[in-house]
Amino acid sequence: MHRDERFNRAERIIRIGLCLNAVLMVVKLSAGYWGQSDAVFADGIESGCDFVAVLMTMLALRMGRIPYDASHPYGHGRAENLAALLIGMVIVITGVWIMIDAIQTIVSHSYKAPHLVAVFATLLTILVKEWLFRITRKTGQDLNSPSLLAVAADHRKDALSSIGTLAGVAGAWLGLGIMDPLAAALTALFILHIGYVTLSDAAHDLMDGSAPPDFLNEVSRLAENVEHVEHVHEIRSRRSGQYVIIDLKLDMDPLMTVKQSHAVATQVKRVIFDRYDNVGDVMIHINPHEEEHEDLIRL
């Protein structure tokens, strides 16, 4: 898939989420205010936070698609990883806020009797957010985009929190006022788990965490299948937005000329690019096969 096509596809999904979040924010704030439901009104405020998070992701995608330059020789893809980190923080803060609010409501016994419009608004939110989660996650997985996967997690968080809100609002509408804060507290636990996973993945990438072992094993196999490559001495990788950057050390015949070994290295790179369209670059170092050599490293 062409580079511009990847980013255009990601941005289309982000725009859909941005527009629908804006609509849901207005619907829930209105339903919460006129339907006398603090839970639904708080859900509307949460949608406002999501709107900001999705907008931030769109900006990160636009920054990430800027080609590499002298100041950023590895490109600007880390903007997506930063966006994923910030979205994870928003998810965690939201979970903490919902938990504190639920505990305060239970302690103060300040229960309300919401109107039916609040129930319908919450049900609409669940359906829309689950649909957004599914299409965003699929696109994020297809493109290996950390920011899109973080936004998908945020959509799932909203769907889960709205399920808790629905149970609570419906229970309160039927006269069981305590169900609202209890359901909110339970949902907050799911939200905090999603936020933790999102933060962990973003931090892993920002700290040059390695790609999955299965991926590295397959890349090594592809390299070793190229003629004149005796062995993959070492393979390392790190993420930069949607792309993976790979470092390869290849063992070759020490009698090969520089020109010959360069041609083999180019073929290895071409094979990897043909197999994985999310590999941004492959840096190759050549070692003499079956000869003692020293690998200098300071890390």
C-alpha atoms as a PDB file:
ATOM      1  CA  MET A   1       0.000   0.000   0.000  1.00  0.00           C
ATOM      2  CA  HIS A   2       1.368   3.417  -0.984  1.00  0.00           C
ATOM      3  CA  ARG A   3       2.450   5.702   1.852  1.00  0.00           C
ATOM      4  CA  ASP A   4      -0.106   8.432   1.051  1.00  0.00           C
ATOM      5  CA  GLU A   5      -2.872   5.858   0.717  1.00  0.00           C
ATOM      6  CA  ARG A   6      -2.088   4.540   4.209  1.00  0.00           C
ATOM      7  CA  PHE A   7      -2.378   7.977   5.793  1.00  0.00           C
ATOM      8  CA  ASN A   8      -5.463   8.927   3.768  1.00  0.00           C
ATOM      9  CA  ARG A   9      -7.248   5.772   4.893  1.00  0.00           C
ATOM     10  CA  ALA A  10      -6.363   6.467   8.519  1.00  0.00           C
ATOM     11  CA  GLU A  11      -7.500  10.083   8.295  1.00  0.00           C
ATOM     12  CA  ARG A  12     -10.884   9.090   6.820  1.00  0.00           C
ATOM     13  CA  ILE A  13     -11.578   6.920   9.864  1.00  0.00           C
ATOM     14  CA  ILE A  14     -10.473   9.702  12.204  1.00  0.00           C
ATOM     15  CA  ARG A  15     -12.816  12.195  10.505  1.00  0.00           C
ATOM     16  CA  ILE A  16     -15.772   9.839  10.901  1.00  0.00           C
ATOM     17  CA  GLY A  17     -15.002   9.472  14.608  1.00  0.00           C
ATOM     18  CA  LEU A  18     -14.535  13.219  15.018  1.00  0.00           C
ATOM     19  CA  CYS A  19     -17.936  14.049  13.493  1.00  0.00           C
ATOM     20  CA  LEU A  20     -19.821  11.348  15.396  1.00  0.00           C
ATOM     21  CA  ASN A  21     -18.167  12.313  18.696  1.00  0.00           C
ATOM     22  CA  ALA A  22     -19.332  15.884  18.187  1.00  0.00           C
ATOM     23  CA  VAL A  23     -22.915  14.702  17.543  1.00  0.00           C
ATOM     24  CA  LEU A  24     -22.893  12.380  20.562  1.00  0.00           C
ATOM     25  CA  MET A  25     -21.513  15.118  22.781  1.00  0.00           C
ATOM     26  CA  VAL A  26     -24.432  17.438  21.918  1.00  0.00           C
ATOM     27  CA  VAL A  27     -27.004  14.618  22.244  1.00  0.00           C
ATOM     28  CA  LYS A  28     -25.762  13.447  25.660  1.00  0.00           C
ATOM     29  CA  LEU A  29     -25.302  16.906  27.136  1.00  0.00           C
ATOM     30  CA  SER A  30     -28.831  17.817  26.033  1.00  0.00           C
ATOM     31  CA  ALA A  31     -30.351  14.525  27.205  1.00  0.00           C
ATOM     32  CA  GLY A  32     -28.493  14.707  30.507  1.00  0.00           C
ATOM     33  CA  TYR A  33     -29.622  18.268  31.182  1.00  0.00           C
ATOM     34  CA  TRP A  34     -33.251  17.967  30.066  1.00  0.00           C
ATOM     35  CA  GLY A  35     -33.567  14.345  31.218  1.00  0.00           C
ATOM     36  CA  GLN A  36     -32.254  15.121  34.720  1.00  0.00           C
ATOM     37  CA  SER A  37     -29.445  12.550  34.584  1.00  0.00           C
ATOM     38  CA  ASP A  38     -26.057  13.483  35.989  1.00  0.00           C
ATOM     39  CA  ALA A  39     -24.612  10.240  34.608  1.00  0.00           C
ATOM     40  CA  VAL A  40     -25.639  11.013  31.019  1.00  0.00           C
ATOM     41  CA  PHE A  41     -24.508  14.635  31.353  1.00  0.00           C
ATOM     42  CA  ALA A  42     -21.121  13.416  32.617  1.00  0.00           C
ATOM     43  CA  ASP A  43     -21.015  11.021  29.666  1.00  0.00           C
ATOM     44  CA  GLY A  44     -21.476  14.055  27.415  1.00  0.00           C
ATOM     45  CA  ILE A  45     -18.532  15.796  29.035  1.00  0.00           C
ATOM     46  CA  GLU A  46     -16.523  12.606  28.461  1.00  0.00           C
ATOM     47  CA  SER A  47     -17.462  12.768  24.760  1.00  0.00           C
ATOM     48  CA  GLY A  48     -16.078  16.291  24.735  1.00  0.00           C
ATOM     49  CA  CYS A  49     -12.761  14.923  26.016  1.00  0.00           C
ATOM     50  CA  ASP A  50     -12.900  12.245  23.321  1.00  0.00           C
ATOM     51  CA  PHE A  51     -13.472  14.903  20.688  1.00  0.00           C
ATOM     52  CA  VAL A  52     -10.249  16.597  21.776  1.00  0.00           C
ATOM     53  CA  ALA A  53      -8.398  13.237  21.796  1.00  0.00           C
ATOM     54  CA  VAL A  54      -9.548  12.348  18.272  1.00  0.00           C
ATOM     55  CA  LEU A  55      -8.681  15.824  17.011  1.00  0.00           C
ATOM     56  CA  MET A  56      -5.221  15.409  18.537  1.00  0.00           C
ATOM     57  CA  THR A  57      -4.849  12.079  16.722  1.00  0.00           C
ATOM     58  CA  MET A  58      -5.739  13.668  13.396  1.00  0.00           C
ATOM     59  CA  LEU A  59      -3.043  16.292  13.940  1.00  0.00           C
ATOM     60  CA  ALA A  60      -0.570  13.532  14.855  1.00  0.00           C
ATOM     61  CA  LEU A  61      -1.385  11.647  11.654  1.00  0.00           C
ATOM     62  CA  ARG A  62      -0.789  14.748   9.573  1.00  0.00           C
ATOM     63  CA  MET A  63       2.515  15.358  11.326  1.00  0.00           C
ATOM     64  CA  GLY A  64       3.485  11.684  11.007  1.00  0.00           C
ATOM     65  CA  ARG A  65       3.034  11.682   7.233  1.00  0.00           C
ATOM     66  CA  ILE A  66       5.658  14.434   6.810  1.00  0.00           C
ATOM     67  CA  PRO A  67       8.665  12.821   5.041  1.00  0.00           C
ATOM     68  CA  TYR A  68      12.000  12.533   6.795  1.00  0.00           C
ATOM     69  CA  ASP A  69      14.299  15.553   6.727  1.00  0.00           C
ATOM     70  CA  ALA A  70      17.717  16.577   8.014  1.00  0.00           C
ATOM     71  CA  SER A  71      16.389  17.239  11.532  1.00  0.00           C
ATOM     72  CA  HIS A  72      14.282  14.050  11.640  1.00  0.00           C
ATOM     73  CA  PRO A  73      16.167  11.423   9.593  1.00  0.00           C
ATOM     74  CA  TYR A  74      13.821   8.655  10.780  1.00  0.00           C
ATOM     75  CA  GLY A  75      10.678  10.560   9.832  1.00  0.00           C
ATOM     76  CA  HIS A  76       7.948  12.021  12.050  1.00  0.00           C
ATOM     77  CA  GLY A  77       6.078   8.801  12.845  1.00  0.00           C
ATOM     78  CA  ARG A  78       6.661   9.098  16.589  1.00  0.00           C
ATOM     79  CA  ALA A  79       3.975  11.800  16.612  1.00  0.00           C
ATOM     80  CA  GLU A  80       1.475   8.928  16.455  1.00  0.00           C
ATOM     81  CA  ASN A  81       3.087   7.192  19.423  1.00  0.00           C
ATOM     82  CA  LEU A  82       2.935  10.430  21.414  1.00  0.00           C
ATOM     83  CA  ALA A  83      -0.745  10.814  20.518  1.00  0.00           C
ATOM     84  CA  ALA A  84      -1.387   7.237  21.688  1.00  0.00           C
ATOM     85  CA  LEU A  85       0.343   8.041  24.997  1.00  0.00           C
ATOM     86  CA  LEU A  86      -1.780  11.162  25.521  1.00  0.00           C
ATOM     87  CA  ILE A  87      -4.989   9.312  24.628  1.00  0.00           C
ATOM     88  CA  GLY A  88      -4.081   6.610  27.143  1.00  0.00           C
ATOM     89  CA  MET A  89      -3.673   9.310  29.788  1.00  0.00           C
ATOM     90  CA  VAL A  90      -7.113  10.734  28.890  1.00  0.00           C
ATOM     91  CA  ILE A  91      -8.656   7.254  29.251  1.00  0.00           C
ATOM     92  CA  VAL A  92      -7.061   6.732  32.684  1.00  0.00           C
ATOM     93  CA  ILE A  93      -8.077  10.193  33.913  1.00  0.00           C
ATOM     94  CA  THR A  94     -11.631   9.560  32.705  1.00  0.00           C
ATOM     95  CA  GLY A  95     -11.759   6.244  34.569  1.00  0.00           C
ATOM     96  CA  VAL A  96     -10.490   7.828  37.790  1.00  0.00           C
ATOM     97  CA  TRP A  97     -12.987  10.679  37.448  1.00  0.00           C
ATOM     98  CA  ILE A  98     -15.941   8.316  36.938  1.00  0.00           C
ATOM     99  CA  MET A  99     -14.845   6.191  39.908  1.00  0.00           C
ATOM    100  CA  ILE A 100     -14.516   9.196  42.251  1.00  0.00           C
ATOM    101  CA  ASP A 101     -17.865  10.612  41.107  1.00  0.00           C
ATOM    102  CA  ALA A 102     -19.591   7.244  41.682  1.00  0.00           C
ATOM    103  CA  ILE A 103     -18.135   6.895  45.185  1.00  0.00           C
ATOM    104  CA  GLN A 104     -19.180  10.439  46.107  1.00  0.00           C
ATOM    105  CA  THR A 105     -22.725   9.786  44.878  1.00  0.00           C
ATOM    106  CA  ILE A 106     -23.022   6.592  46.941  1.00  0.00           C
ATOM    107  CA  VAL A 107     -21.645   8.257  50.069  1.00  0.00           C
ATOM    108  CA  SER A 108     -23.945  11.295  49.776  1.00  0.00           C
ATOM    109  CA  HIS A 109     -27.023   9.271  48.685  1.00  0.00           C
ATOM    110  CA  SER A 110     -27.744  11.989  46.103  1.00  0.00           C
ATOM    111  CA  TYR A 111     -29.771   9.833  43.712  1.00  0.00           C
ATOM    112  CA  LYS A 112     -31.988  11.242  40.956  1.00  0.00           C
ATOM    113  CA  ALA A 113     -34.916   9.957  38.888  1.00  0.00           C
ATOM    114  CA  PRO A 114     -33.926  10.443  35.225  1.00  0.00           C
ATOM    115  CA  HIS A 115     -36.344  10.729  32.274  1.00  0.00           C
ATOM    116  CA  LEU A 116     -36.668   8.119  29.518  1.00  0.00           C
ATOM    117  CA  VAL A 117     -34.832  10.357  27.013  1.00  0.00           C
ATOM    118  CA  ALA A 118     -31.630   9.793  29.012  1.00  0.00           C
ATOM    119  CA  VAL A 119     -32.013   6.018  28.557  1.00  0.00           C
ATOM    120  CA  PHE A 120     -32.431   6.328  24.777  1.00  0.00           C
ATOM    121  CA  ALA A 121     -29.464   8.707  24.466  1.00  0.00           C
ATOM    122  CA  THR A 122     -27.231   6.200  26.275  1.00  0.00           C
ATOM    123  CA  LEU A 123     -28.444   3.312  24.113  1.00  0.00           C
ATOM    124  CA  LEU A 124     -27.637   5.335  20.977  1.00  0.00           C
ATOM    125  CA  THR A 125     -24.137   6.006  22.324  1.00  0.00           C
ATOM    126  CA  ILE A 126     -23.455   2.291  22.866  1.00  0.00           C
ATOM    127  CA  LEU A 127     -24.462   1.366  19.313  1.00  0.00           C
ATOM    128  CA  VAL A 128     -22.507   4.179  17.651  1.00  0.00           C
ATOM    129  CA  LYS A 129     -19.384   3.730  19.770  1.00  0.00           C
ATOM    130  CA  GLU A 130     -19.226  -0.034  19.292  1.00  0.00           C
ATOM    131  CA  TRP A 131     -19.500   0.456  15.519  1.00  0.00           C
ATOM    132  CA  LEU A 132     -16.741   3.089  15.631  1.00  0.00           C
ATOM    133  CA  PHE A 133     -14.564   0.756  17.703  1.00  0.00           C
ATOM    134  CA  ARG A 134     -14.870  -2.076  15.187  1.00  0.00           C
ATOM    135  CA  ILE A 135     -14.095  -0.067  12.039  1.00  0.00           C
ATOM    136  CA  THR A 136     -11.294   1.894  13.737  1.00  0.00           C
ATOM    137  CA  ARG A 137      -9.645  -1.218  15.183  1.00  0.00           C
ATOM    138  CA  LYS A 138      -9.775  -3.020  11.833  1.00  0.00           C
ATOM    139  CA  THR A 139      -8.158  -0.080  10.043  1.00  0.00           C
ATOM    140  CA  GLY A 140      -5.596   0.330  12.831  1.00  0.00           C
ATOM    141  CA  GLN A 141      -4.650  -3.352  12.613  1.00  0.00           C
ATOM    142  CA  ASP A 142      -4.443  -3.234   8.810  1.00  0.00           C
ATOM    143  CA  LEU A 143      -2.144  -0.182   8.936  1.00  0.00           C
ATOM    144  CA  ASN A 144      -0.290  -1.084  12.177  1.00  0.00           C
ATOM    145  CA  SER A 145      -1.159   2.408  13.402  1.00  0.00           C
ATOM    146  CA  PRO A 146      -0.654   2.905  17.167  1.00  0.00           C
ATOM    147  CA  SER A 147      -2.703   6.111  17.209  1.00  0.00           C
ATOM    148  CA  LEU A 148      -5.675   4.488  15.451  1.00  0.00           C
ATOM    149  CA  LEU A 149      -5.537   1.510  17.813  1.00  0.00           C
ATOM    150  CA  ALA A 150      -5.483   3.937  20.752  1.00  0.00           C
ATOM    151  CA  VAL A 151      -8.541   5.741  19.356  1.00  0.00           C
ATOM    152  CA  ALA A 152     -10.257   2.362  18.876  1.00  0.00           C
ATOM    153  CA  ALA A 153      -9.557   1.561  22.539  1.00  0.00           C
ATOM    154  CA  ASP A 154     -11.044   4.940  23.446  1.00  0.00           C
ATOM    155  CA  HIS A 155     -14.212   4.093  21.474  1.00  0.00           C
ATOM    156  CA  ARG A 156     -14.476   0.730  23.254  1.00  0.00           C
ATOM    157  CA  LYS A 157     -13.986   2.533  26.569  1.00  0.00           C
ATOM    158  CA  ASP A 158     -16.922   4.796  25.710  1.00  0.00           C
ATOM    159  CA  ALA A 159     -19.106   1.834  24.764  1.00  0.00           C
ATOM    160  CA  LEU A 160     -18.302   0.101  28.052  1.00  0.00           C
ATOM    161  CA  SER A 161     -18.856   3.212  30.135  1.00  0.00           C
ATOM    162  CA  SER A 162     -22.151   3.807  28.357  1.00  0.00           C
ATOM    163  CA  ILE A 163     -23.261   0.243  29.156  1.00  0.00           C
ATOM    164  CA  GLY A 164     -22.685   1.033  32.805  1.00  0.00           C
ATOM    165  CA  THR A 165     -24.483   4.323  32.372  1.00  0.00           C
ATOM    166  CA  LEU A 166     -27.414   2.577  30.661  1.00  0.00           C
ATOM    167  CA  ALA A 167     -27.744   0.026  33.458  1.00  0.00           C
ATOM    168  CA  GLY A 168     -27.564   2.756  36.060  1.00  0.00           C
ATOM    169  CA  VAL A 169     -29.935   5.170  34.323  1.00  0.00           C
ATOM    170  CA  ALA A 170     -32.441   2.415  33.532  1.00  0.00           C
ATOM    171  CA  GLY A 171     -32.299   1.181  37.124  1.00  0.00           C
ATOM    172  CA  ALA A 172     -32.712   4.706  38.481  1.00  0.00           C
ATOM    173  CA  TRP A 173     -35.597   5.303  36.055  1.00  0.00           C
ATOM    174  CA  LEU A 174     -37.248   2.192  37.512  1.00  0.00           C
ATOM    175  CA  GLY A 175     -36.694   3.510  41.044  1.00  0.00           C
ATOM    176  CA  LEU A 176     -33.374   1.889  42.058  1.00  0.00           C
ATOM    177  CA  GLY A 177     -31.279   5.025  42.355  1.00  0.00           C
ATOM    178  CA  ILE A 178     -28.137   3.342  43.709  1.00  0.00           C
ATOM    179  CA  MET A 179     -27.716   1.310  40.499  1.00  0.00           C
ATOM    180  CA  ASP A 180     -26.450   4.390  38.664  1.00  0.00           C
ATOM    181  CA  PRO A 181     -23.269   4.942  40.751  1.00  0.00           C
ATOM    182  CA  LEU A 182     -22.663   1.194  41.239  1.00  0.00           C
ATOM    183  CA  ALA A 183     -22.717   0.541  37.501  1.00  0.00           C
ATOM    184  CA  ALA A 184     -20.486   3.570  36.914  1.00  0.00           C
ATOM    185  CA  ALA A 185     -17.910   2.310  39.435  1.00  0.00           C
ATOM    186  CA  LEU A 186     -17.787  -1.133  37.800  1.00  0.00           C
ATOM    187  CA  THR A 187     -17.400   0.416  34.370  1.00  0.00           C
ATOM    188  CA  ALA A 188     -14.571   2.618  35.662  1.00  0.00           C
ATOM    189  CA  LEU A 189     -12.541  -0.533  36.392  1.00  0.00           C
ATOM    190  CA  PHE A 190     -12.846  -1.644  32.739  1.00  0.00           C
ATOM    191  CA  ILE A 191     -11.890   1.844  31.588  1.00  0.00           C
ATOM    192  CA  LEU A 192      -8.786   1.890  33.785  1.00  0.00           C
ATOM    193  CA  HIS A 193      -7.690  -1.468  32.360  1.00  0.00           C
ATOM    194  CA  ILE A 194      -8.065  -0.195  28.784  1.00  0.00           C
ATOM    195  CA  GLY A 195      -6.120   2.947  29.695  1.00  0.00           C
ATOM    196  CA  TYR A 196      -3.326   0.902  31.266  1.00  0.00           C
ATOM    197  CA  VAL A 197      -2.955  -1.285  28.149  1.00  0.00           C
ATOM    198  CA  THR A 198      -2.981   1.771  25.851  1.00  0.00           C
ATOM    199  CA  LEU A 199      -0.367   3.569  27.961  1.00  0.00           C
ATOM    200  CA  SER A 200       1.827   0.450  28.156  1.00  0.00           C
ATOM    201  CA  ASP A 201       1.795  -0.069  24.378  1.00  0.00           C
ATOM    202  CA  ALA A 202       2.568   3.596  23.694  1.00  0.00           C
ATOM    203  CA  ALA A 203       5.401   3.660  26.238  1.00  0.00           C
ATOM    204  CA  HIS A 204       6.810   0.415  24.769  1.00  0.00           C
ATOM    205  CA  ASP A 205       7.066   2.006  21.320  1.00  0.00           C
ATOM    206  CA  LEU A 206       8.427   5.333  22.582  1.00  0.00           C
ATOM    207  CA  MET A 207      11.173   3.473  24.476  1.00  0.00           C
ATOM    208  CA  ASP A 208      12.228   1.632  21.284  1.00  0.00           C
ATOM    209  CA  GLY A 209      10.525  -1.581  22.307  1.00  0.00           C
ATOM    210  CA  SER A 210      11.025  -4.497  19.929  1.00  0.00           C
ATOM    211  CA  ALA A 211       8.479  -5.815  17.449  1.00  0.00           C
ATOM    212  CA  PRO A 212       6.850  -9.206  18.253  1.00  0.00           C
ATOM    213  CA  PRO A 213       9.195 -12.250  18.089  1.00  0.00           C
ATOM    214  CA  ASP A 214       7.118 -13.944  15.360  1.00  0.00           C
ATOM    215  CA  PHE A 215       7.590 -10.933  13.104  1.00  0.00           C
ATOM    216  CA  LEU A 216      11.363 -10.845  13.706  1.00  0.00           C
ATOM    217  CA  ASN A 217      11.666 -14.585  13.090  1.00  0.00           C
ATOM    218  CA  GLU A 218       9.848 -14.263   9.774  1.00  0.00           C
ATOM    219  CA  VAL A 219      12.072 -11.345   8.683  1.00  0.00           C
ATOM    220  CA  SER A 220      15.165 -13.411   9.574  1.00  0.00           C
ATOM    221  CA  ARG A 221      13.822 -16.323   7.550  1.00  0.00           C
ATOM    222  CA  LEU A 222      13.234 -14.085   4.532  1.00  0.00           C
ATOM    223  CA  ALA A 223      16.765 -12.700   4.767  1.00  0.00           C
ATOM    224  CA  GLU A 224      18.394 -16.127   5.102  1.00  0.00           C
ATOM    225  CA  ASN A 225      16.520 -17.367   2.030  1.00  0.00           C
ATOM    226  CA  VAL A 226      18.314 -14.803  -0.125  1.00  0.00           C
ATOM    227  CA  GLU A 227      21.244 -16.314  -2.003  1.00  0.00           C
ATOM    228  CA  HIS A 228      24.714 -15.687  -0.479  1.00  0.00           C
ATOM    229  CA  VAL A 229      23.283 -14.829   2.975  1.00  0.00           C
ATOM    230  CA  GLU A 230      24.834 -17.446   5.223  1.00  0.00           C
ATOM    231  CA  HIS A 231      23.163 -16.444   8.463  1.00  0.00           C
ATOM    232  CA  VAL A 232      21.340 -13.606  10.235  1.00  0.00           C
ATOM    233  CA  HIS A 233      23.782 -12.741  12.981  1.00  0.00           C
ATOM    234  CA  GLU A 234      21.433 -10.320  14.767  1.00  0.00           C
ATOM    235  CA  ILE A 235      18.102  -8.557  14.201  1.00  0.00           C
ATOM    236  CA  ARG A 236      16.680  -5.579  16.065  1.00  0.00           C
ATOM    237  CA  SER A 237      13.634  -3.415  15.479  1.00  0.00           C
ATOM    238  CA  ARG A 238      11.713  -0.413  16.757  1.00  0.00           C
ATOM    239  CA  ARG A 239       8.462   1.329  15.938  1.00  0.00           C
ATOM    240  CA  SER A 240       7.984   4.794  14.470  1.00  0.00           C
ATOM    241  CA  GLY A 241       4.257   5.386  14.092  1.00  0.00           C
ATOM    242  CA  GLN A 242       2.819   3.012  11.508  1.00  0.00           C
ATOM    243  CA  TYR A 243       6.267   1.804  10.416  1.00  0.00           C
ATOM    244  CA  VAL A 244       8.849  -0.615  11.775  1.00  0.00           C
ATOM    245  CA  ILE A 245      12.557   0.158  11.401  1.00  0.00           C
ATOM    246  CA  ILE A 246      14.785  -2.934  11.274  1.00  0.00           C
ATOM    247  CA  ASP A 247      18.511  -3.372  11.927  1.00  0.00           C
ATOM    248  CA  LEU A 248      20.028  -6.525  10.405  1.00  0.00           C
ATOM    249  CA  LYS A 249      23.487  -8.039  10.757  1.00  0.00           C
ATOM    250  CA  LEU A 250      24.156 -10.588   8.011  1.00  0.00           C
ATOM    251  CA  ASP A 251      26.956 -13.140   7.783  1.00  0.00           C
ATOM    252  CA  MET A 252      28.371 -13.482   4.231  1.00  0.00           C
ATOM    253  CA  ASP A 253      31.364 -14.900   2.438  1.00  0.00           C
ATOM    254  CA  PRO A 254      34.353 -12.728   3.515  1.00  0.00           C
ATOM    255  CA  LEU A 255      35.838 -12.985  -0.020  1.00  0.00           C
ATOM    256  CA  MET A 256      32.890 -11.217  -1.638  1.00  0.00           C
ATOM    257  CA  THR A 257      33.569  -7.767  -3.033  1.00  0.00           C
ATOM    258  CA  VAL A 258      31.897  -4.687  -1.606  1.00  0.00           C
ATOM    259  CA  LYS A 259      29.831  -4.420  -4.777  1.00  0.00           C
ATOM    260  CA  GLN A 260      28.646  -8.036  -4.517  1.00  0.00           C
ATOM    261  CA  SER A 261      27.747  -7.812  -0.849  1.00  0.00           C
ATOM    262  CA  HIS A 262      25.916  -4.522  -1.463  1.00  0.00           C
ATOM    263  CA  ALA A 263      23.837  -6.175  -4.194  1.00  0.00           C
ATOM    264  CA  VAL A 264      22.897  -9.000  -1.812  1.00  0.00           C
ATOM    265  CA  ALA A 265      21.978  -6.525   0.935  1.00  0.00           C
ATOM    266  CA  THR A 266      19.780  -4.602  -1.517  1.00  0.00           C
ATOM    267  CA  GLN A 267      18.016  -7.824  -2.487  1.00  0.00           C
ATOM    268  CA  VAL A 268      17.391  -8.643   1.186  1.00  0.00           C
ATOM    269  CA  LYS A 269      15.885  -5.204   1.687  1.00  0.00           C
ATOM    270  CA  ARG A 270      13.702  -5.579  -1.420  1.00  0.00           C
ATOM    271  CA  VAL A 271      12.378  -8.971  -0.269  1.00  0.00           C
ATOM    272  CA  ILE A 272      11.429  -7.575   3.140  1.00  0.00           C
ATOM    273  CA  PHE A 273       9.743  -4.518   1.598  1.00  0.00           C
ATOM    274  CA  ASP A 274       7.762  -6.741  -0.763  1.00  0.00           C
ATOM    275  CA  ARG A 275       6.542  -8.868   2.132  1.00  0.00           C
ATOM    276  CA  TYR A 276       5.771  -6.097   4.666  1.00  0.00           C
ATOM    277  CA  ASP A 277       4.402  -2.714   3.609  1.00  0.00           C
ATOM    278  CA  ASN A 278       4.677  -1.431   7.190  1.00  0.00           C
ATOM    279  CA  VAL A 279       8.505  -1.690   7.212  1.00  0.00           C
ATOM    280  CA  GLY A 280       9.867   1.825   6.817  1.00  0.00           C
ATOM    281  CA  ASP A 281      13.593   1.047   6.520  1.00  0.00           C
ATOM    282  CA  VAL A 282      16.069  -1.810   6.859  1.00  0.00           C
ATOM    283  CA  MET A 283      19.610  -0.983   7.952  1.00  0.00           C
ATOM    284  CA  ILE A 284      22.030  -3.801   7.051  1.00  0.00           C
ATOM    285  CA  HIS A 285      25.495  -4.500   8.445  1.00  0.00           C
ATOM    286  CA  ILE A 286      27.622  -7.272   6.902  1.00  0.00           C
ATOM    287  CA  ASN A 287      29.904  -9.572   8.884  1.00  0.00           C
ATOM    288  CA  PRO A 288      32.427 -12.144   7.578  1.00  0.00           C
ATOM    289  CA  HIS A 289      30.941 -15.616   7.884  1.00  0.00           C
ATOM    290  CA  GLU A 290      32.696 -18.054  10.273  1.00  0.00           C
ATOM    291  CA  GLU A 291      35.382 -15.538  11.199  1.00  0.00           C
ATOM    292  CA  GLU A 292      35.963 -13.872  14.538  1.00  0.00           C
ATOM    293  CA  HIS A 293      34.734 -10.275  14.563  1.00  0.00           C
ATOM    294  CA  GLU A 294      34.000  -7.736  17.261  1.00  0.00           C
ATOM    295  CA  ASP A 295      30.616  -5.973  17.452  1.00  0.00           C
ATOM    296  CA  LEU A 296      31.123  -2.578  19.024  1.00  0.00           C
ATOM    297  CA  ILE A 297      28.134  -1.299  20.960  1.00  0.00           C
ATOM    298  CA  ARG A 298      27.745   1.102  23.871  1.00  0.00           C
ATOM    299  CA  LEU A 299      24.091   0.522  24.849  1.00  0.00           C
END
